[in-house]
N, C-alpha and C. Protein backbone atom coordinates (compact mmCIF):
# COMPACT_ATOMS: atom_id res chain seq x y z
N MET A 1 40.12 -30.21 -26.03
CA MET A 1 39.26 -29.14 -26.47
C MET A 1 37.80 -29.42 -26.08
N GLU A 2 37.41 -30.68 -26.21
CA GLU A 2 36.03 -31.04 -25.88
C GLU A 2 35.76 -30.84 -24.39
N ARG A 3 36.76 -31.13 -23.56
CA ARG A 3 36.60 -30.97 -22.12
C ARG A 3 36.40 -29.49 -21.77
N ARG A 4 37.16 -28.63 -22.43
CA ARG A 4 37.03 -27.19 -22.18
C ARG A 4 35.65 -26.70 -22.61
N THR A 5 35.18 -27.21 -23.72
CA THR A 5 33.87 -26.79 -24.22
C THR A 5 32.76 -27.24 -23.27
N SER A 6 32.86 -28.46 -22.78
CA SER A 6 31.83 -28.95 -21.86
C SER A 6 31.88 -28.20 -20.54
N CYS A 7 33.05 -27.86 -20.08
CA CYS A 7 33.18 -27.09 -18.85
C CYS A 7 32.58 -25.69 -19.04
N LEU A 8 32.87 -25.10 -20.17
CA LEU A 8 32.33 -23.78 -20.48
C LEU A 8 30.80 -23.86 -20.57
N GLN A 9 30.29 -24.91 -21.20
CA GLN A 9 28.84 -25.08 -21.32
C GLN A 9 28.21 -25.29 -19.94
N ALA A 10 28.87 -26.01 -19.06
CA ALA A 10 28.37 -26.22 -17.70
C ALA A 10 28.31 -24.88 -16.95
N ASN A 11 29.31 -24.06 -17.11
CA ASN A 11 29.32 -22.73 -16.48
C ASN A 11 28.18 -21.87 -17.03
N ILE A 12 27.98 -21.94 -18.33
CA ILE A 12 26.89 -21.16 -18.95
C ILE A 12 25.54 -21.64 -18.42
N ASP A 13 25.36 -22.95 -18.33
CA ASP A 13 24.10 -23.50 -17.81
C ASP A 13 23.88 -23.08 -16.36
N PHE A 14 24.94 -23.16 -15.56
CA PHE A 14 24.84 -22.77 -14.16
C PHE A 14 24.45 -21.29 -14.04
N LEU A 15 25.13 -20.43 -14.79
CA LEU A 15 24.84 -19.00 -14.73
C LEU A 15 23.43 -18.70 -15.23
N GLN A 16 22.98 -19.41 -16.26
CA GLN A 16 21.62 -19.22 -16.76
C GLN A 16 20.60 -19.60 -15.71
N ASN A 17 20.87 -20.71 -15.00
CA ASN A 17 19.97 -21.13 -13.92
C ASN A 17 19.94 -20.10 -12.80
N VAL A 18 21.08 -19.54 -12.46
CA VAL A 18 21.15 -18.51 -11.42
C VAL A 18 20.36 -17.28 -11.85
N ILE A 19 20.51 -16.88 -13.09
CA ILE A 19 19.79 -15.71 -13.61
C ILE A 19 18.28 -15.97 -13.57
N ASP A 20 17.87 -17.15 -14.01
CA ASP A 20 16.44 -17.50 -14.00
C ASP A 20 15.89 -17.51 -12.58
N ARG A 21 16.63 -18.08 -11.64
CA ARG A 21 16.19 -18.15 -10.25
C ARG A 21 16.08 -16.74 -9.65
N ASN A 22 17.05 -15.91 -9.92
CA ASN A 22 17.02 -14.53 -9.41
C ASN A 22 15.86 -13.74 -10.01
N ALA A 23 15.61 -13.95 -11.29
CA ALA A 23 14.49 -13.26 -11.94
C ALA A 23 13.17 -13.72 -11.34
N ARG A 24 13.03 -15.01 -11.09
CA ARG A 24 11.81 -15.55 -10.50
C ARG A 24 11.61 -15.00 -9.08
N ASP A 25 12.68 -14.97 -8.30
CA ASP A 25 12.60 -14.44 -6.94
C ASP A 25 12.22 -12.95 -6.95
N ALA A 26 12.82 -12.21 -7.84
CA ALA A 26 12.52 -10.78 -7.95
C ALA A 26 11.06 -10.57 -8.35
N ARG A 27 10.56 -11.39 -9.26
CA ARG A 27 9.18 -11.29 -9.71
C ARG A 27 8.22 -11.59 -8.55
N LEU A 28 8.54 -12.62 -7.76
CA LEU A 28 7.71 -12.96 -6.61
C LEU A 28 7.68 -11.84 -5.57
N LYS A 29 8.84 -11.26 -5.32
CA LYS A 29 8.92 -10.15 -4.36
C LYS A 29 8.15 -8.94 -4.87
N LEU A 30 8.26 -8.68 -6.15
CA LEU A 30 7.54 -7.55 -6.74
C LEU A 30 6.03 -7.77 -6.68
N ASP A 31 5.60 -8.98 -6.96
CA ASP A 31 4.17 -9.30 -6.88
C ASP A 31 3.66 -9.14 -5.45
N ALA A 32 4.43 -9.60 -4.48
CA ALA A 32 4.04 -9.47 -3.08
C ALA A 32 3.98 -8.00 -2.66
N ALA A 33 4.95 -7.21 -3.10
CA ALA A 33 4.96 -5.79 -2.77
C ALA A 33 3.79 -5.07 -3.42
N THR A 34 3.43 -5.47 -4.63
CA THR A 34 2.29 -4.87 -5.33
C THR A 34 1.00 -5.16 -4.58
N LYS A 35 0.83 -6.39 -4.11
CA LYS A 35 -0.37 -6.75 -3.35
C LYS A 35 -0.42 -5.98 -2.03
N GLU A 36 0.71 -5.85 -1.38
CA GLU A 36 0.77 -5.12 -0.11
C GLU A 36 0.45 -3.65 -0.32
N LEU A 37 0.95 -3.08 -1.40
CA LEU A 37 0.66 -1.68 -1.72
C LEU A 37 -0.82 -1.47 -2.01
N ALA A 38 -1.42 -2.39 -2.75
CA ALA A 38 -2.84 -2.28 -3.05
C ALA A 38 -3.67 -2.36 -1.76
N ALA A 39 -3.29 -3.26 -0.86
CA ALA A 39 -4.00 -3.38 0.41
C ALA A 39 -3.85 -2.10 1.23
N ALA A 40 -2.66 -1.52 1.24
CA ALA A 40 -2.43 -0.28 1.98
C ALA A 40 -3.24 0.87 1.38
N ARG A 41 -3.32 0.92 0.07
CA ARG A 41 -4.11 1.97 -0.59
C ARG A 41 -5.59 1.83 -0.24
N ASN A 42 -6.09 0.59 -0.22
CA ASN A 42 -7.49 0.36 0.15
C ASN A 42 -7.74 0.78 1.59
N GLU A 43 -6.79 0.48 2.47
CA GLU A 43 -6.93 0.85 3.87
C GLU A 43 -6.93 2.36 4.03
N VAL A 44 -6.08 3.04 3.31
CA VAL A 44 -6.04 4.51 3.37
C VAL A 44 -7.36 5.09 2.86
N ALA A 45 -7.88 4.53 1.79
CA ALA A 45 -9.15 5.02 1.25
C ALA A 45 -10.28 4.82 2.27
N ALA A 46 -10.29 3.68 2.94
CA ALA A 46 -11.31 3.43 3.96
C ALA A 46 -11.16 4.41 5.12
N MET A 47 -9.93 4.68 5.51
CA MET A 47 -9.68 5.63 6.60
C MET A 47 -10.11 7.04 6.21
N LYS A 48 -9.88 7.42 4.97
CA LYS A 48 -10.30 8.74 4.51
C LYS A 48 -11.82 8.85 4.54
N ALA A 49 -12.50 7.80 4.12
CA ALA A 49 -13.97 7.81 4.14
C ALA A 49 -14.48 7.91 5.58
N THR A 50 -13.86 7.17 6.48
CA THR A 50 -14.26 7.23 7.88
C THR A 50 -14.00 8.61 8.45
N LEU A 51 -12.86 9.18 8.14
CA LEU A 51 -12.52 10.52 8.62
C LEU A 51 -13.52 11.55 8.11
N THR A 52 -13.88 11.46 6.85
CA THR A 52 -14.85 12.39 6.27
C THR A 52 -16.19 12.27 6.98
N ALA A 53 -16.62 11.04 7.22
CA ALA A 53 -17.89 10.82 7.92
C ALA A 53 -17.84 11.37 9.34
N LEU A 54 -16.73 11.14 10.03
CA LEU A 54 -16.59 11.64 11.40
C LEU A 54 -16.54 13.17 11.44
N GLN A 55 -15.88 13.76 10.47
CA GLN A 55 -15.83 15.22 10.42
C GLN A 55 -17.22 15.79 10.17
N ALA A 56 -17.99 15.15 9.31
CA ALA A 56 -19.36 15.61 9.04
C ALA A 56 -20.21 15.50 10.30
N ARG A 57 -20.08 14.40 11.03
CA ARG A 57 -20.84 14.24 12.28
C ARG A 57 -20.42 15.29 13.31
N LEU A 58 -19.12 15.55 13.38
CA LEU A 58 -18.63 16.54 14.34
C LEU A 58 -19.17 17.93 14.01
N GLU A 59 -19.15 18.28 12.73
CA GLU A 59 -19.68 19.59 12.32
C GLU A 59 -21.17 19.68 12.63
N LYS A 60 -21.88 18.57 12.40
CA LYS A 60 -23.31 18.55 12.68
C LYS A 60 -23.58 18.72 14.17
N LEU A 61 -22.75 18.11 15.00
CA LEU A 61 -22.91 18.24 16.45
C LEU A 61 -22.51 19.62 16.96
N GLU A 62 -21.54 20.22 16.31
CA GLU A 62 -21.06 21.54 16.76
C GLU A 62 -22.02 22.66 16.36
N LYS A 63 -22.69 22.57 15.25
CA LYS A 63 -23.57 23.64 14.79
C LYS A 63 -24.70 23.95 15.77
N PRO A 64 -25.46 22.97 16.25
CA PRO A 64 -26.50 23.30 17.23
C PRO A 64 -25.91 23.87 18.51
N GLY A 65 -24.76 23.44 18.89
CA GLY A 65 -24.12 23.96 20.10
C GLY A 65 -23.80 25.44 19.97
N LYS A 66 -23.41 25.86 18.81
CA LYS A 66 -23.11 27.27 18.57
C LYS A 66 -24.37 28.11 18.63
N THR A 67 -25.45 27.61 18.07
CA THR A 67 -26.70 28.40 18.08
C THR A 67 -27.27 28.45 19.49
N GLU A 68 -27.10 27.38 20.29
CA GLU A 68 -27.59 27.40 21.67
C GLU A 68 -26.81 28.41 22.49
N ASN A 69 -25.51 28.49 22.29
CA ASN A 69 -24.69 29.46 23.01
C ASN A 69 -25.08 30.87 22.62
N SER A 70 -25.37 31.08 21.38
CA SER A 70 -25.76 32.41 20.90
C SER A 70 -27.10 32.79 21.50
N ASN A 71 -28.04 31.86 21.56
CA ASN A 71 -29.37 32.13 22.12
C ASN A 71 -29.28 32.38 23.62
N SER A 72 -28.44 31.61 24.32
CA SER A 72 -28.32 31.80 25.76
C SER A 72 -27.65 33.13 26.07
N ASP A 73 -26.69 33.54 25.22
CA ASP A 73 -26.05 34.85 25.41
C ASP A 73 -27.04 35.98 25.16
N ALA A 74 -27.93 35.80 24.19
CA ALA A 74 -28.90 36.84 23.87
C ALA A 74 -29.93 36.97 24.96
N LYS A 75 -30.26 35.89 25.65
CA LYS A 75 -31.26 35.93 26.71
C LYS A 75 -30.74 36.64 27.95
N LYS A 76 -29.45 36.61 28.17
CA LYS A 76 -28.87 37.24 29.36
C LYS A 76 -28.92 38.70 29.22
């Protein structure tokens, strides 16, 4: 009976260790994915800011061009 109990306890210990190891691995993967997601979000935010700035510059460059075309058409 004692042998069966010790064998059962060894199986329980082994399974507990496997569960702990899997939980630790999952936590590490989740932490890494969270950091990667945060970095991607920061990159997207920076790209949006750059795009907004470029669009503003483009609009600023296009506006004088439109008025010059209008003035040149009026002179003809």
